[in-house]
Amino acid sequence: MIRDSAQFGSFCGLDNRRELMRLMVRLGEGLPDEHARRLRARFLQSLLPASTTSMAGLALSVTPCSAVEGYHLLVAITGCLGVPIDEAAARLERLVRSQ
């Protein structure tokens, strides 16, 4: 039986998940596909130091990824590696706005 870790709390609503996916699509928008894929990977790698677990001091290797793959990795990083979802979402939004 899989249990909900409650990591996402009230953040896990459909609108929030849709917004995360939209932001992953927009990350690297207008760049060649391979550049956008690398940008998503760098963003995801940058999240691990924010982990609230012992994972914070470790390195994370992420290969270039599509927006869908990036979304799934974001969910895994926040849900399994202890990175707060609110912080990850805010960082993703700031990065997209700055590009």
N, C-alpha and C. Protein backbone atom coordinates (compact mmCIF):
# COMPACT_ATOMS: atom_id res chain seq x y z
N MET A 1 0.84 -1.19 0.00
CA MET A 1 0.00 0.00 0.00
C MET A 1 0.88 1.25 0.00
N ILE A 2 0.61 2.17 -0.88
CA ILE A 2 1.35 3.42 -0.97
C ILE A 2 0.65 4.45 -0.10
N ARG A 3 1.42 5.10 0.73
CA ARG A 3 0.86 6.13 1.61
C ARG A 3 1.24 7.51 1.11
N ASP A 4 0.34 8.44 1.31
CA ASP A 4 0.60 9.83 0.99
C ASP A 4 1.50 10.40 2.07
N SER A 5 2.63 10.96 1.68
CA SER A 5 3.58 11.51 2.65
C SER A 5 3.12 12.85 3.19
N ALA A 6 2.09 13.41 2.63
CA ALA A 6 1.58 14.74 2.99
C ALA A 6 2.59 15.82 2.68
N GLN A 7 3.59 15.51 1.87
CA GLN A 7 4.62 16.48 1.49
C GLN A 7 4.00 17.68 0.79
N PHE A 8 2.98 17.43 -0.02
CA PHE A 8 2.42 18.49 -0.83
C PHE A 8 1.31 19.27 -0.14
N GLY A 9 0.76 18.72 0.91
CA GLY A 9 -0.29 19.42 1.65
C GLY A 9 -1.37 19.95 0.73
N SER A 10 -1.76 21.18 0.93
CA SER A 10 -2.81 21.78 0.12
C SER A 10 -2.31 22.18 -1.26
N PHE A 11 -1.00 22.09 -1.51
CA PHE A 11 -0.44 22.47 -2.79
C PHE A 11 -0.87 21.51 -3.90
N CYS A 12 -1.27 20.30 -3.54
CA CYS A 12 -1.49 19.25 -4.52
C CYS A 12 -2.80 19.37 -5.29
N GLY A 13 -3.42 20.51 -5.33
CA GLY A 13 -4.64 20.69 -6.11
C GLY A 13 -4.35 20.66 -7.60
N LEU A 14 -5.36 20.37 -8.38
CA LEU A 14 -5.21 20.27 -9.83
C LEU A 14 -4.66 21.55 -10.44
N ASP A 15 -5.10 22.70 -9.98
CA ASP A 15 -4.61 23.97 -10.54
C ASP A 15 -3.12 24.13 -10.29
N ASN A 16 -2.65 23.76 -9.12
CA ASN A 16 -1.22 23.88 -8.82
C ASN A 16 -0.39 22.93 -9.67
N ARG A 17 -0.86 21.71 -9.83
CA ARG A 17 -0.13 20.76 -10.68
C ARG A 17 -0.10 21.24 -12.12
N ARG A 18 -1.22 21.78 -12.59
CA ARG A 18 -1.29 22.31 -13.96
C ARG A 18 -0.31 23.48 -14.13
N GLU A 19 -0.24 24.33 -13.12
CA GLU A 19 0.68 25.48 -13.18
C GLU A 19 2.13 25.02 -13.20
N LEU A 20 2.47 24.02 -12.42
CA LEU A 20 3.85 23.50 -12.45
C LEU A 20 4.18 22.96 -13.83
N MET A 21 3.26 22.25 -14.44
CA MET A 21 3.49 21.71 -15.78
C MET A 21 3.64 22.85 -16.79
N ARG A 22 2.80 23.86 -16.67
CA ARG A 22 2.89 25.02 -17.58
C ARG A 22 4.25 25.71 -17.44
N LEU A 23 4.72 25.85 -16.21
CA LEU A 23 6.02 26.48 -15.98
C LEU A 23 7.16 25.63 -16.53
N MET A 24 7.06 24.31 -16.41
CA MET A 24 8.10 23.45 -16.98
C MET A 24 8.14 23.57 -18.50
N VAL A 25 6.97 23.71 -19.12
CA VAL A 25 6.92 23.90 -20.57
C VAL A 25 7.55 25.24 -20.94
N ARG A 26 7.25 26.28 -20.16
CA ARG A 26 7.77 27.62 -20.47
C ARG A 26 9.26 27.76 -20.18
N LEU A 27 9.80 26.90 -19.32
CA LEU A 27 11.23 26.97 -19.00
C LEU A 27 12.03 26.60 -20.25
N GLY A 28 12.71 27.55 -20.78
CA GLY A 28 13.48 27.33 -22.00
C GLY A 28 12.71 27.60 -23.27
N GLU A 29 11.51 28.15 -23.13
CA GLU A 29 10.69 28.45 -24.30
C GLU A 29 11.45 29.39 -25.23
N GLY A 30 11.42 29.09 -26.51
CA GLY A 30 12.11 29.91 -27.49
C GLY A 30 13.55 29.48 -27.72
N LEU A 31 14.05 28.58 -26.91
CA LEU A 31 15.40 28.05 -27.10
C LEU A 31 15.33 26.78 -27.94
N PRO A 32 16.44 26.42 -28.58
CA PRO A 32 16.45 25.11 -29.24
C PRO A 32 16.13 24.02 -28.21
N ASP A 33 15.49 22.96 -28.64
CA ASP A 33 15.02 21.91 -27.74
C ASP A 33 16.11 21.40 -26.80
N GLU A 34 17.28 21.14 -27.33
CA GLU A 34 18.35 20.58 -26.48
C GLU A 34 18.77 21.59 -25.40
N HIS A 35 18.78 22.86 -25.70
CA HIS A 35 19.11 23.88 -24.70
C HIS A 35 18.04 23.93 -23.61
N ALA A 36 16.78 23.87 -24.01
CA ALA A 36 15.67 23.88 -23.05
C ALA A 36 15.75 22.65 -22.15
N ARG A 37 16.08 21.51 -22.72
CA ARG A 37 16.20 20.28 -21.93
C ARG A 37 17.32 20.41 -20.90
N ARG A 38 18.44 21.00 -21.30
CA ARG A 38 19.56 21.18 -20.35
C ARG A 38 19.20 22.19 -19.27
N LEU A 39 18.47 23.22 -19.62
CA LEU A 39 18.05 24.23 -18.65
C LEU A 39 17.15 23.59 -17.59
N ARG A 40 16.22 22.75 -18.01
CA ARG A 40 15.36 22.05 -17.05
C ARG A 40 16.18 21.17 -16.12
N ALA A 41 17.15 20.46 -16.68
CA ALA A 41 18.00 19.59 -15.86
C ALA A 41 18.79 20.40 -14.83
N ARG A 42 19.35 21.53 -15.25
CA ARG A 42 20.11 22.38 -14.31
C ARG A 42 19.21 22.90 -13.20
N PHE A 43 18.00 23.31 -13.55
CA PHE A 43 17.07 23.77 -12.53
C PHE A 43 16.78 22.67 -11.52
N LEU A 44 16.47 21.48 -12.00
CA LEU A 44 16.15 20.38 -11.11
C LEU A 44 17.33 20.02 -10.21
N GLN A 45 18.54 20.05 -10.77
CA GLN A 45 19.73 19.78 -9.96
C GLN A 45 19.92 20.83 -8.88
N SER A 46 19.53 22.04 -9.16
CA SER A 46 19.72 23.14 -8.21
C SER A 46 18.81 23.04 -6.99
N LEU A 47 17.83 22.16 -7.04
CA LEU A 47 16.86 22.07 -5.94
C LEU A 47 17.38 21.29 -4.73
N LEU A 48 18.27 20.34 -4.93
CA LEU A 48 18.66 19.45 -3.85
C LEU A 48 19.24 20.14 -2.62
N PRO A 49 20.01 21.21 -2.76
CA PRO A 49 20.50 21.88 -1.54
C PRO A 49 19.38 22.40 -0.64
N ALA A 50 18.17 22.54 -1.16
CA ALA A 50 17.04 23.01 -0.35
C ALA A 50 16.37 21.86 0.41
N SER A 51 16.89 20.65 0.26
CA SER A 51 16.29 19.49 0.92
C SER A 51 16.34 19.67 2.44
N THR A 52 15.27 19.25 3.09
CA THR A 52 15.19 19.32 4.54
C THR A 52 15.65 18.00 5.16
N THR A 53 16.22 17.14 4.34
CA THR A 53 16.73 15.85 4.81
C THR A 53 18.25 15.83 4.63
N SER A 54 18.83 14.69 4.88
CA SER A 54 20.28 14.55 4.73
C SER A 54 20.70 14.56 3.26
N MET A 55 19.75 14.64 2.35
CA MET A 55 20.06 14.69 0.92
C MET A 55 20.68 16.03 0.52
N ALA A 56 20.53 17.04 1.32
CA ALA A 56 20.96 18.40 0.97
C ALA A 56 22.44 18.48 0.62
N GLY A 57 23.26 17.67 1.21
CA GLY A 57 24.69 17.74 0.95
C GLY A 57 25.16 16.88 -0.20
N LEU A 58 24.26 16.19 -0.84
CA LEU A 58 24.63 15.27 -1.91
C LEU A 58 24.45 15.90 -3.29
N ALA A 59 25.11 15.32 -4.27
CA ALA A 59 24.98 15.78 -5.66
C ALA A 59 23.84 15.03 -6.33
N LEU A 60 23.16 15.70 -7.21
CA LEU A 60 22.07 15.10 -7.97
C LEU A 60 22.40 15.26 -9.45
N SER A 61 22.39 14.16 -10.16
CA SER A 61 22.67 14.20 -11.59
C SER A 61 21.36 14.01 -12.35
N VAL A 62 21.01 15.00 -13.16
CA VAL A 62 19.78 14.94 -13.95
C VAL A 62 20.17 15.10 -15.41
N THR A 63 19.71 14.19 -16.23
CA THR A 63 19.99 14.30 -17.66
C THR A 63 19.01 15.29 -18.29
N PRO A 64 19.37 15.88 -19.42
CA PRO A 64 18.45 16.79 -20.09
C PRO A 64 17.09 16.13 -20.27
N CYS A 65 16.03 16.90 -20.03
CA CYS A 65 14.70 16.30 -20.02
C CYS A 65 13.65 17.20 -20.66
N SER A 66 12.61 16.54 -21.15
CA SER A 66 11.46 17.25 -21.71
C SER A 66 10.68 17.90 -20.58
N ALA A 67 9.70 18.69 -20.92
CA ALA A 67 8.87 19.33 -19.90
C ALA A 67 8.11 18.29 -19.08
N VAL A 68 7.60 17.26 -19.71
CA VAL A 68 6.87 16.21 -18.99
C VAL A 68 7.81 15.45 -18.06
N GLU A 69 8.96 15.08 -18.56
CA GLU A 69 9.95 14.39 -17.72
C GLU A 69 10.38 15.29 -16.56
N GLY A 70 10.58 16.56 -16.86
CA GLY A 70 10.97 17.51 -15.82
C GLY A 70 9.91 17.64 -14.74
N TYR A 71 8.65 17.67 -15.15
CA TYR A 71 7.55 17.74 -14.18
C TYR A 71 7.59 16.52 -13.26
N HIS A 72 7.73 15.34 -13.84
CA HIS A 72 7.76 14.12 -13.03
C HIS A 72 8.98 14.10 -12.10
N LEU A 73 10.11 14.58 -12.58
CA LEU A 73 11.29 14.66 -11.72
C LEU A 73 11.09 15.68 -10.60
N LEU A 74 10.44 16.79 -10.90
CA LEU A 74 10.15 17.79 -9.88
C LEU A 74 9.29 17.19 -8.77
N VAL A 75 8.29 16.44 -9.16
CA VAL A 75 7.42 15.77 -8.18
C VAL A 75 8.23 14.79 -7.34
N ALA A 76 9.11 14.03 -7.98
CA ALA A 76 9.93 13.06 -7.25
C ALA A 76 10.92 13.76 -6.31
N ILE A 77 11.55 14.81 -6.77
CA ILE A 77 12.53 15.53 -5.95
C ILE A 77 11.86 16.15 -4.73
N THR A 78 10.70 16.71 -4.94
CA THR A 78 10.02 17.34 -3.80
C THR A 78 9.38 16.30 -2.90
N GLY A 79 8.85 15.24 -3.47
CA GLY A 79 8.16 14.24 -2.67
C GLY A 79 9.07 13.26 -1.98
N CYS A 80 10.17 12.89 -2.61
CA CYS A 80 11.04 11.84 -2.06
C CYS A 80 12.34 12.36 -1.46
N LEU A 81 12.82 13.48 -1.93
CA LEU A 81 14.12 13.97 -1.47
C LEU A 81 14.02 15.12 -0.48
N GLY A 82 12.81 15.46 -0.08
CA GLY A 82 12.63 16.43 0.99
C GLY A 82 12.76 17.89 0.62
N VAL A 83 12.64 18.22 -0.64
CA VAL A 83 12.67 19.63 -1.06
C VAL A 83 11.24 20.16 -0.93
N PRO A 84 11.04 21.22 -0.17
CA PRO A 84 9.68 21.76 -0.01
C PRO A 84 9.08 22.17 -1.36
N ILE A 85 7.88 21.69 -1.62
CA ILE A 85 7.21 21.96 -2.91
C ILE A 85 6.97 23.45 -3.10
N ASP A 86 6.63 24.17 -2.04
CA ASP A 86 6.37 25.60 -2.20
C ASP A 86 7.64 26.33 -2.62
N GLU A 87 8.76 25.95 -2.04
CA GLU A 87 10.03 26.59 -2.41
C GLU A 87 10.41 26.25 -3.85
N ALA A 88 10.28 25.00 -4.22
CA ALA A 88 10.62 24.59 -5.59
C ALA A 88 9.73 25.31 -6.60
N ALA A 89 8.44 25.41 -6.32
CA ALA A 89 7.51 26.08 -7.23
C ALA A 89 7.85 27.57 -7.36
N ALA A 90 8.17 28.21 -6.25
CA ALA A 90 8.52 29.63 -6.28
C ALA A 90 9.81 29.85 -7.06
N ARG A 91 10.78 28.98 -6.88
CA ARG A 91 12.04 29.12 -7.63
C ARG A 91 11.82 28.91 -9.12
N LEU A 92 10.98 27.95 -9.46
CA LEU A 92 10.68 27.69 -10.88
C LEU A 92 9.97 28.90 -11.49
N GLU A 93 9.03 29.47 -10.78
CA GLU A 93 8.31 30.63 -11.28
C GLU A 93 9.26 31.82 -11.48
N ARG A 94 10.15 32.05 -10.52
CA ARG A 94 11.12 33.16 -10.66
C ARG A 94 12.03 32.94 -11.85
N LEU A 95 12.49 31.71 -12.04
CA LEU A 95 13.37 31.41 -13.16
C LEU A 95 12.67 31.65 -14.49
N VAL A 96 11.45 31.20 -14.60
CA VAL A 96 10.69 31.39 -15.86
C VAL A 96 10.47 32.87 -16.12
N ARG A 97 10.14 33.61 -15.09
CA ARG A 97 9.91 35.07 -15.25
C ARG A 97 11.18 35.80 -15.68
N SER A 98 12.34 35.31 -15.25
CA SER A 98 13.59 36.02 -15.52
C SER A 98 14.16 35.71 -16.90
N GLN A 99 13.65 34.73 -17.59
CA GLN A 99 14.22 34.38 -18.89
C GLN A 99 13.67 35.21 -20.02
